[in-house]
Amino acid sequence: MCKEEKQTTESFSHKMADILNFGALNLAMGIGYRTRLFDTMDEMADPATADAIAEKAGLHARYVEEWLGVMVCGGIVELEEDESGVSRFYLPR
């Protein structure tokens, strides 16, 4: 394989990975929209734990925590940790 072909192959691989990652993020955003998680978080005045968000939304905390992880990795939701290591999530203004 020549150098040009290798760059093209690597470029294609990165493009495919980006498409898959953004596709998964898009699906997760759809879940947040359908379950009103975005609305719930927007209504909360301060950053909140996954448990607090789940309780307010009427959803199971475990699944909300997983969803929040995807949203943080995708740069949609912000994460802060306090001194004791408690994670709190919020939407950027």
PDB file of N, CA and C in Angstrom:
ATOM      1  N   MET A   1       0.851  -1.164   0.000  1.00  0.00           N
ATOM      2  CA  MET A   1       0.000   0.000   0.000  1.00  0.00           C
ATOM      3  C   MET A   1       0.903   1.236   0.000  1.00  0.00           C
ATOM      4  N   CYS A   2       0.665   2.146  -0.921  1.00  0.00           N
ATOM      5  CA  CYS A   2       1.483   3.354  -0.983  1.00  0.00           C
ATOM      6  C   CYS A   2       1.008   4.350   0.075  1.00  0.00           C
ATOM      7  N   LYS A   3       1.827   5.374   0.298  1.00  0.00           N
ATOM      8  CA  LYS A   3       1.551   6.361   1.335  1.00  0.00           C
ATOM      9  C   LYS A   3       0.210   7.061   1.094  1.00  0.00           C
ATOM     10  N   GLU A   4      -0.077   7.398  -0.154  1.00  0.00           N
ATOM     11  CA  GLU A   4      -1.326   8.087  -0.495  1.00  0.00           C
ATOM     12  C   GLU A   4      -2.541   7.218  -0.196  1.00  0.00           C
ATOM     13  N   GLU A   5      -2.451   5.921  -0.521  1.00  0.00           N
ATOM     14  CA  GLU A   5      -3.553   5.005  -0.236  1.00  0.00           C
ATOM     15  C   GLU A   5      -3.770   4.859   1.265  1.00  0.00           C
ATOM     16  N   LYS A   6      -2.668   4.826   2.038  1.00  0.00           N
ATOM     17  CA  LYS A   6      -2.777   4.693   3.484  1.00  0.00           C
ATOM     18  C   LYS A   6      -3.472   5.916   4.072  1.00  0.00           C
ATOM     19  N   GLN A   7      -3.126   7.114   3.601  1.00  0.00           N
ATOM     20  CA  GLN A   7      -3.780   8.322   4.095  1.00  0.00           C
ATOM     21  C   GLN A   7      -5.264   8.306   3.746  1.00  0.00           C
ATOM     22  N   THR A   8      -5.588   7.867   2.551  1.00  0.00           N
ATOM     23  CA  THR A   8      -6.981   7.796   2.136  1.00  0.00           C
ATOM     24  C   THR A   8      -7.738   6.782   2.992  1.00  0.00           C
ATOM     25  N   THR A   9      -7.117   5.640   3.257  1.00  0.00           N
ATOM     26  CA  THR A   9      -7.734   4.614   4.093  1.00  0.00           C
ATOM     27  C   THR A   9      -7.945   5.133   5.513  1.00  0.00           C
ATOM     28  N   GLU A  10      -6.943   5.800   6.078  1.00  0.00           N
ATOM     29  CA  GLU A  10      -7.071   6.359   7.425  1.00  0.00           C
ATOM     30  C   GLU A  10      -8.134   7.451   7.461  1.00  0.00           C
ATOM     31  N   SER A  11      -8.156   8.297   6.452  1.00  0.00           N
ATOM     32  CA  SER A  11      -9.153   9.361   6.370  1.00  0.00           C
ATOM     33  C   SER A  11     -10.560   8.770   6.312  1.00  0.00           C
ATOM     34  N   PHE A  12     -10.717   7.724   5.490  1.00  0.00           N
ATOM     35  CA  PHE A  12     -12.016   7.060   5.375  1.00  0.00           C
ATOM     36  C   PHE A  12     -12.416   6.427   6.701  1.00  0.00           C
ATOM     37  N   SER A  13     -11.484   5.786   7.370  1.00  0.00           N
ATOM     38  CA  SER A  13     -11.765   5.156   8.669  1.00  0.00           C
ATOM     39  C   SER A  13     -12.224   6.196   9.690  1.00  0.00           C
ATOM     40  N   HIS A  14     -11.551   7.340   9.735  1.00  0.00           N
ATOM     41  CA  HIS A  14     -11.933   8.407  10.655  1.00  0.00           C
ATOM     42  C   HIS A  14     -13.319   8.947  10.307  1.00  0.00           C
ATOM     43  N   LYS A  15     -13.571   9.103   9.019  1.00  0.00           N
ATOM     44  CA  LYS A  15     -14.877   9.595   8.582  1.00  0.00           C
ATOM     45  C   LYS A  15     -15.978   8.635   9.010  1.00  0.00           C
ATOM     46  N   MET A  16     -15.770   7.347   8.814  1.00  0.00           N
ATOM     47  CA  MET A  16     -16.770   6.345   9.191  1.00  0.00           C
ATOM     48  C   MET A  16     -16.988   6.338  10.706  1.00  0.00           C
ATOM     49  N   ALA A  17     -15.918   6.448  11.473  1.00  0.00           N
ATOM     50  CA  ALA A  17     -16.045   6.491  12.932  1.00  0.00           C
ATOM     51  C   ALA A  17     -16.833   7.723  13.364  1.00  0.00           C
ATOM     52  N   ASP A  18     -16.556   8.865  12.741  1.00  0.00           N
ATOM     53  CA  ASP A  18     -17.295  10.092  13.057  1.00  0.00           C
ATOM     54  C   ASP A  18     -18.779   9.936  12.741  1.00  0.00           C
ATOM     55  N   ILE A  19     -19.085   9.349  11.601  1.00  0.00           N
ATOM     56  CA  ILE A  19     -20.490   9.152  11.216  1.00  0.00           C
ATOM     57  C   ILE A  19     -21.200   8.274  12.242  1.00  0.00           C
ATOM     58  N   LEU A  20     -20.563   7.190  12.648  1.00  0.00           N
ATOM     59  CA  LEU A  20     -21.173   6.299  13.637  1.00  0.00           C
ATOM     60  C   LEU A  20     -21.344   6.993  14.985  1.00  0.00           C
ATOM     61  N   ASN A  21     -20.310   7.713  15.409  1.00  0.00           N
ATOM     62  CA  ASN A  21     -20.390   8.400  16.705  1.00  0.00           C
ATOM     63  C   ASN A  21     -21.465   9.480  16.704  1.00  0.00           C
ATOM     64  N   PHE A  22     -21.510  10.287  15.658  1.00  0.00           N
ATOM     65  CA  PHE A  22     -22.517  11.343  15.602  1.00  0.00           C
ATOM     66  C   PHE A  22     -23.915  10.763  15.413  1.00  0.00           C
ATOM     67  N   GLY A  23     -24.009   9.637  14.737  1.00  0.00           N
ATOM     68  CA  GLY A  23     -25.303   8.967  14.599  1.00  0.00           C
ATOM     69  C   GLY A  23     -25.823   8.499  15.947  1.00  0.00           C
ATOM     70  N   ALA A  24     -24.937   7.922  16.758  1.00  0.00           N
ATOM     71  CA  ALA A  24     -25.330   7.471  18.098  1.00  0.00           C
ATOM     72  C   ALA A  24     -25.715   8.667  18.967  1.00  0.00           C
ATOM     73  N   LEU A  25     -24.964   9.745  18.838  1.00  0.00           N
ATOM     74  CA  LEU A  25     -25.287  10.958  19.586  1.00  0.00           C
ATOM     75  C   LEU A  25     -26.646  11.507  19.162  1.00  0.00           C
ATOM     76  N   ASN A  26     -26.918  11.480  17.879  1.00  0.00           N
ATOM     77  CA  ASN A  26     -28.200  11.942  17.364  1.00  0.00           C
ATOM     78  C   ASN A  26     -29.346  11.106  17.930  1.00  0.00           C
ATOM     79  N   LEU A  27     -29.175   9.800  17.975  1.00  0.00           N
ATOM     80  CA  LEU A  27     -30.208   8.925  18.548  1.00  0.00           C
ATOM     81  C   LEU A  27     -30.425   9.226  20.030  1.00  0.00           C
ATOM     82  N   ALA A  28     -29.346   9.435  20.752  1.00  0.00           N
ATOM     83  CA  ALA A  28     -29.455   9.751  22.177  1.00  0.00           C
ATOM     84  C   ALA A  28     -30.140  11.101  22.384  1.00  0.00           C
ATOM     85  N   MET A  29     -29.863  12.054  21.508  1.00  0.00           N
ATOM     86  CA  MET A  29     -30.542  13.346  21.599  1.00  0.00           C
ATOM     87  C   MET A  29     -32.037  13.175  21.364  1.00  0.00           C
ATOM     88  N   GLY A  30     -32.399  12.304  20.443  1.00  0.00           N
ATOM     89  CA  GLY A  30     -33.807  12.014  20.197  1.00  0.00           C
ATOM     90  C   GLY A  30     -34.480  11.428  21.424  1.00  0.00           C
ATOM     91  N   ILE A  31     -33.769  10.553  22.123  1.00  0.00           N
ATOM     92  CA  ILE A  31     -34.298   9.975  23.363  1.00  0.00           C
ATOM     93  C   ILE A  31     -34.517  11.080  24.397  1.00  0.00           C
ATOM     94  N   GLY A  32     -33.555  11.979  24.512  1.00  0.00           N
ATOM     95  CA  GLY A  32     -33.685  13.091  25.457  1.00  0.00           C
ATOM     96  C   GLY A  32     -34.852  14.001  25.126  1.00  0.00           C
ATOM     97  N   TYR A  33     -35.087  14.187  23.862  1.00  0.00           N
ATOM     98  CA  TYR A  33     -36.216  15.010  23.421  1.00  0.00           C
ATOM     99  C   TYR A  33     -37.546  14.301  23.727  1.00  0.00           C
ATOM    100  N   ARG A  34     -37.636  13.028  23.358  1.00  0.00           N
ATOM    101  CA  ARG A  34     -38.889  12.272  23.533  1.00  0.00           C
ATOM    102  C   ARG A  34     -39.254  12.065  25.008  1.00  0.00           C
ATOM    103  N   THR A  35     -38.251  11.920  25.856  1.00  0.00           N
ATOM    104  CA  THR A  35     -38.502  11.708  27.288  1.00  0.00           C
ATOM    105  C   THR A  35     -38.551  13.018  28.063  1.00  0.00           C
ATOM    106  N   ARG A  36     -38.376  14.125  27.371  1.00  0.00           N
ATOM    107  CA  ARG A  36     -38.392  15.475  27.945  1.00  0.00           C
ATOM    108  C   ARG A  36     -37.243  15.715  28.931  1.00  0.00           C
ATOM    109  N   LEU A  37     -36.159  14.958  28.787  1.00  0.00           N
ATOM    110  CA  LEU A  37     -35.004  15.173  29.662  1.00  0.00           C
ATOM    111  C   LEU A  37     -34.377  16.546  29.440  1.00  0.00           C
ATOM    112  N   PHE A  38     -34.338  16.999  28.207  1.00  0.00           N
ATOM    113  CA  PHE A  38     -33.801  18.334  27.950  1.00  0.00           C
ATOM    114  C   PHE A  38     -34.677  19.400  28.631  1.00  0.00           C
ATOM    115  N   ASP A  39     -35.990  19.239  28.511  1.00  0.00           N
ATOM    116  CA  ASP A  39     -36.907  20.187  29.152  1.00  0.00           C
ATOM    117  C   ASP A  39     -36.755  20.152  30.670  1.00  0.00           C
ATOM    118  N   THR A  40     -36.660  18.961  31.212  1.00  0.00           N
ATOM    119  CA  THR A  40     -36.496  18.803  32.659  1.00  0.00           C
ATOM    120  C   THR A  40     -35.230  19.497  33.130  1.00  0.00           C
ATOM    121  N   MET A  41     -34.129  19.262  32.434  1.00  0.00           N
ATOM    122  CA  MET A  41     -32.864  19.881  32.828  1.00  0.00           C
ATOM    123  C   MET A  41     -32.917  21.394  32.666  1.00  0.00           C
ATOM    124  N   ASP A  42     -33.590  21.860  31.640  1.00  0.00           N
ATOM    125  CA  ASP A  42     -33.699  23.293  31.401  1.00  0.00           C
ATOM    126  C   ASP A  42     -34.488  23.981  32.515  1.00  0.00           C
ATOM    127  N   GLU A  43     -35.456  23.266  33.083  1.00  0.00           N
ATOM    128  CA  GLU A  43     -36.280  23.817  34.160  1.00  0.00           C
ATOM    129  C   GLU A  43     -35.553  23.837  35.505  1.00  0.00           C
ATOM    130  N   MET A  44     -34.487  23.060  35.627  1.00  0.00           N
ATOM    131  CA  MET A  44     -33.754  23.006  36.894  1.00  0.00           C
ATOM    132  C   MET A  44     -32.824  24.212  36.982  1.00  0.00           C
ATOM    133  N   ALA A  45     -32.888  24.915  38.103  1.00  0.00           N
ATOM    134  CA  ALA A  45     -32.127  26.155  38.259  1.00  0.00           C
ATOM    135  C   ALA A  45     -30.621  25.912  38.386  1.00  0.00           C
ATOM    136  N   ASP A  46     -30.240  24.812  39.011  1.00  0.00           N
ATOM    137  CA  ASP A  46     -28.829  24.534  39.287  1.00  0.00           C
ATOM    138  C   ASP A  46     -28.433  23.180  38.716  1.00  0.00           C
ATOM    139  N   PRO A  47     -27.123  22.949  38.566  1.00  0.00           N
ATOM    140  CA  PRO A  47     -26.675  21.610  38.168  1.00  0.00           C
ATOM    141  C   PRO A  47     -27.222  20.571  39.142  1.00  0.00           C
ATOM    142  N   ALA A  48     -27.581  19.399  38.623  1.00  0.00           N
ATOM    143  CA  ALA A  48     -28.227  18.377  39.443  1.00  0.00           C
ATOM    144  C   ALA A  48     -27.611  17.011  39.201  1.00  0.00           C
ATOM    145  N   THR A  49     -27.774  16.143  40.176  1.00  0.00           N
ATOM    146  CA  THR A  49     -27.306  14.769  40.043  1.00  0.00           C
ATOM    147  C   THR A  49     -28.206  14.013  39.074  1.00  0.00           C
ATOM    148  N   ALA A  50     -27.718  12.890  38.597  1.00  0.00           N
ATOM    149  CA  ALA A  50     -28.519  12.038  37.721  1.00  0.00           C
ATOM    150  C   ALA A  50     -29.779  11.576  38.441  1.00  0.00           C
ATOM    151  N   ASP A  51     -29.665  11.279  39.736  1.00  0.00           N
ATOM    152  CA  ASP A  51     -30.830  10.846  40.511  1.00  0.00           C
ATOM    153  C   ASP A  51     -31.895  11.939  40.571  1.00  0.00           C
ATOM    154  N   ALA A  52     -31.467  13.173  40.799  1.00  0.00           N
ATOM    155  CA  ALA A  52     -32.421  14.283  40.892  1.00  0.00           C
ATOM    156  C   ALA A  52     -33.093  14.543  39.547  1.00  0.00           C
ATOM    157  N   ILE A  53     -32.319  14.463  38.476  1.00  0.00           N
ATOM    158  CA  ILE A  53     -32.882  14.660  37.138  1.00  0.00           C
ATOM    159  C   ILE A  53     -33.882  13.554  36.827  1.00  0.00           C
ATOM    160  N   ALA A  54     -33.510  12.318  37.128  1.00  0.00           N
ATOM    161  CA  ALA A  54     -34.392  11.174  36.872  1.00  0.00           C
ATOM    162  C   ALA A  54     -35.686  11.290  37.669  1.00  0.00           C
ATOM    163  N   GLU A  55     -35.566  11.673  38.920  1.00  0.00           N
ATOM    164  CA  GLU A  55     -36.759  11.794  39.765  1.00  0.00           C
ATOM    165  C   GLU A  55     -37.707  12.860  39.216  1.00  0.00           C
ATOM    166  N   LYS A  56     -37.147  14.002  38.858  1.00  0.00           N
ATOM    167  CA  LYS A  56     -37.988  15.086  38.330  1.00  0.00           C
ATOM    168  C   LYS A  56     -38.628  14.688  36.997  1.00  0.00           C
ATOM    169  N   ALA A  57     -37.910  13.913  36.190  1.00  0.00           N
ATOM    170  CA  ALA A  57     -38.431  13.487  34.886  1.00  0.00           C
ATOM    171  C   ALA A  57     -39.347  12.265  34.993  1.00  0.00           C
ATOM    172  N   GLY A  58     -39.335  11.610  36.156  1.00  0.00           N
ATOM    173  CA  GLY A  58     -40.141  10.406  36.325  1.00  0.00           C
ATOM    174  C   GLY A  58     -39.561   9.206  35.589  1.00  0.00           C
ATOM    175  N   LEU A  59     -38.233   9.154  35.521  1.00  0.00           N
ATOM    176  CA  LEU A  59     -37.545   8.085  34.798  1.00  0.00           C
ATOM    177  C   LEU A  59     -36.621   7.326  35.734  1.00  0.00           C
ATOM    178  N   HIS A  60     -36.169   6.172  35.298  1.00  0.00           N
ATOM    179  CA  HIS A  60     -35.256   5.326  36.072  1.00  0.00           C
ATOM    180  C   HIS A  60     -33.862   5.962  36.074  1.00  0.00           C
ATOM    181  N   ALA A  61     -33.287   6.132  37.252  1.00  0.00           N
ATOM    182  CA  ALA A  61     -32.003   6.832  37.407  1.00  0.00           C
ATOM    183  C   ALA A  61     -30.870   6.173  36.617  1.00  0.00           C
ATOM    184  N   ARG A  62     -30.849   4.856  36.575  1.00  0.00           N
ATOM    185  CA  ARG A  62     -29.755   4.167  35.875  1.00  0.00           C
ATOM    186  C   ARG A  62     -29.699   4.566  34.405  1.00  0.00           C
ATOM    187  N   TYR A  63     -30.864   4.615  33.760  1.00  0.00           N
ATOM    188  CA  TYR A  63     -30.900   4.940  32.341  1.00  0.00           C
ATOM    189  C   TYR A  63     -30.633   6.416  32.088  1.00  0.00           C
ATOM    190  N   VAL A  64     -31.064   7.261  33.000  1.00  0.00           N
ATOM    191  CA  VAL A  64     -30.771   8.690  32.881  1.00  0.00           C
ATOM    192  C   VAL A  64     -29.270   8.914  33.021  1.00  0.00           C
ATOM    193  N   GLU A  65     -28.641   8.193  33.933  1.00  0.00           N
ATOM    194  CA  GLU A  65     -27.192   8.313  34.109  1.00  0.00           C
ATOM    195  C   GLU A  65     -26.448   7.889  32.836  1.00  0.00           C
ATOM    196  N   GLU A  66     -26.881   6.810  32.214  1.00  0.00           N
ATOM    197  CA  GLU A  66     -26.265   6.361  30.962  1.00  0.00           C
ATOM    198  C   GLU A  66     -26.460   7.419  29.868  1.00  0.00           C
ATOM    199  N   TRP A  67     -27.658   7.961  29.779  1.00  0.00           N
ATOM    200  CA  TRP A  67     -27.960   8.988  28.781  1.00  0.00           C
ATOM    201  C   TRP A  67     -27.097  10.229  29.019  1.00  0.00           C
ATOM    202  N   LEU A  68     -26.965  10.620  30.279  1.00  0.00           N
ATOM    203  CA  LEU A  68     -26.136  11.781  30.602  1.00  0.00           C
ATOM    204  C   LEU A  68     -24.676  11.555  30.202  1.00  0.00           C
ATOM    205  N   GLY A  69     -24.192  10.334  30.377  1.00  0.00           N
ATOM    206  CA  GLY A  69     -22.823  10.018  29.965  1.00  0.00           C
ATOM    207  C   GLY A  69     -22.613  10.241  28.475  1.00  0.00           C
ATOM    208  N   VAL A  70     -23.579   9.818  27.685  1.00  0.00           N
ATOM    209  CA  VAL A  70     -23.501  10.028  26.231  1.00  0.00           C
ATOM    210  C   VAL A  70     -23.534  11.520  25.917  1.00  0.00           C
ATOM    211  N   MET A  71     -24.414  12.238  26.601  1.00  0.00           N
ATOM    212  CA  MET A  71     -24.547  13.672  26.351  1.00  0.00           C
ATOM    213  C   MET A  71     -23.291  14.446  26.749  1.00  0.00           C
ATOM    214  N   VAL A  72     -22.650  14.032  27.826  1.00  0.00           N
ATOM    215  CA  VAL A  72     -21.402  14.682  28.248  1.00  0.00           C
ATOM    216  C   VAL A  72     -20.293  14.385  27.239  1.00  0.00           C
ATOM    217  N   CYS A  73     -20.165  13.125  26.830  1.00  0.00           N
ATOM    218  CA  CYS A  73     -19.136  12.761  25.845  1.00  0.00           C
ATOM    219  C   CYS A  73     -19.352  13.486  24.522  1.00  0.00           C
ATOM    220  N   GLY A  74     -20.612  13.730  24.178  1.00  0.00           N
ATOM    221  CA  GLY A  74     -20.931  14.422  22.934  1.00  0.00           C
ATOM    222  C   GLY A  74     -20.842  15.930  23.034  1.00  0.00           C
ATOM    223  N   GLY A  75     -20.564  16.451  24.234  1.00  0.00           N
ATOM    224  CA  GLY A  75     -20.430  17.892  24.405  1.00  0.00           C
ATOM    225  C   GLY A  75     -21.761  18.631  24.455  1.00  0.00           C
ATOM    226  N   ILE A  76     -22.842  17.917  24.735  1.00  0.00           N
ATOM    227  CA  ILE A  76     -24.166  18.534  24.785  1.00  0.00           C
ATOM    228  C   ILE A  76     -24.503  18.964  26.215  1.00  0.00           C
ATOM    229  N   VAL A  77     -24.166  18.141  27.180  1.00  0.00           N
ATOM    230  CA  VAL A  77     -24.415  18.412  28.599  1.00  0.00           C
ATOM    231  C   VAL A  77     -23.079  18.636  29.286  1.00  0.00           C
ATOM    232  N   GLU A  78     -23.061  19.579  30.227  1.00  0.00           N
ATOM    233  CA  GLU A  78     -21.844  19.867  30.997  1.00  0.00           C
ATOM    234  C   GLU A  78     -21.863  19.080  32.302  1.00  0.00           C
ATOM    235  N   LEU A  79     -20.683  18.757  32.794  1.00  0.00           N
ATOM    236  CA  LEU A  79     -20.516  17.983  34.018  1.00  0.00           C
ATOM    237  C   LEU A  79     -19.608  18.737  34.967  1.00  0.00           C
ATOM    238  N   GLU A  80     -20.012  18.782  36.234  1.00  0.00           N
ATOM    239  CA  GLU A  80     -19.117  19.317  37.265  1.00  0.00           C
ATOM    240  C   GLU A  80     -19.140  18.361  38.445  1.00  0.00           C
ATOM    241  N   GLU A  81     -18.018  18.274  39.125  1.00  0.00           N
ATOM    242  CA  GLU A  81     -17.925  17.425  40.313  1.00  0.00           C
ATOM    243  C   GLU A  81     -17.581  18.299  41.501  1.00  0.00           C
ATOM    244  N   ASP A  82     -18.252  18.047  42.631  1.00  0.00           N
ATOM    245  CA  ASP A  82     -17.928  18.815  43.830  1.00  0.00           C
ATOM    246  C   ASP A  82     -16.739  18.177  44.542  1.00  0.00           C
ATOM    247  N   GLU A  83     -16.379  18.733  45.680  1.00  0.00           N
ATOM    248  CA  GLU A  83     -15.198  18.270  46.418  1.00  0.00           C
ATOM    249  C   GLU A  83     -15.294  16.809  46.833  1.00  0.00           C
ATOM    250  N   SER A  84     -16.514  16.336  47.041  1.00  0.00           N
ATOM    251  CA  SER A  84     -16.686  14.945  47.477  1.00  0.00           C
ATOM    252  C   SER A  84     -16.832  13.978  46.306  1.00  0.00           C
ATOM    253  N   GLY A  85     -16.723  14.493  45.068  1.00  0.00           N
ATOM    254  CA  GLY A  85     -16.786  13.634  43.895  1.00  0.00           C
ATOM    255  C   GLY A  85     -18.182  13.385  43.353  1.00  0.00           C
ATOM    256  N   VAL A  86     -19.160  14.127  43.844  1.00  0.00           N
ATOM    257  CA  VAL A  86     -20.532  13.972  43.358  1.00  0.00           C
ATOM    258  C   VAL A  86     -20.655  14.685  42.006  1.00  0.00           C
ATOM    259  N   SER A  87     -21.154  13.952  41.013  1.00  0.00           N
ATOM    260  CA  SER A  87     -21.318  14.509  39.668  1.00  0.00           C
ATOM    261  C   SER A  87     -22.656  15.220  39.556  1.00  0.00           C
ATOM    262  N   ARG A  88     -22.595  16.419  38.981  1.00  0.00           N
ATOM    263  CA  ARG A  88     -23.805  17.205  38.719  1.00  0.00           C
ATOM    264  C   ARG A  88     -23.780  17.625  37.256  1.00  0.00           C
ATOM    265  N   PHE A  89     -24.937  17.605  36.653  1.00  0.00           N
ATOM    266  CA  PHE A  89     -25.066  17.848  35.218  1.00  0.00           C
ATOM    267  C   PHE A  89     -25.924  19.075  34.953  1.00  0.00           C
ATOM    268  N   TYR A  90     -25.616  19.758  33.851  1.00  0.00           N
ATOM    269  CA  TYR A  90     -26.408  20.919  33.470  1.00  0.00           C
ATOM    270  C   TYR A  90     -26.255  21.185  31.969  1.00  0.00           C
ATOM    271  N   LEU A  91     -27.243  21.891  31.445  1.00  0.00           N
ATOM    272  CA  LEU A  91     -27.180  22.325  30.047  1.00  0.00           C
ATOM    273  C   LEU A  91     -26.470  23.659  29.980  1.00  0.00           C
ATOM    274  N   PRO A  92     -25.602  23.848  29.007  1.00  0.00           N
ATOM    275  CA  PRO A  92     -24.976  25.162  28.884  1.00  0.00           C
ATOM    276  C   PRO A  92     -26.045  26.204  28.538  1.00  0.00           C
ATOM    277  N   ARG A  93     -25.892  27.376  29.049  1.00  0.00           N
ATOM    278  CA  ARG A  93     -26.870  28.441  28.794  1.00  0.00           C
ATOM    279  C   ARG A  93     -26.699  28.967  27.426  1.00  0.00           C
TER     280      ARG A  93
END
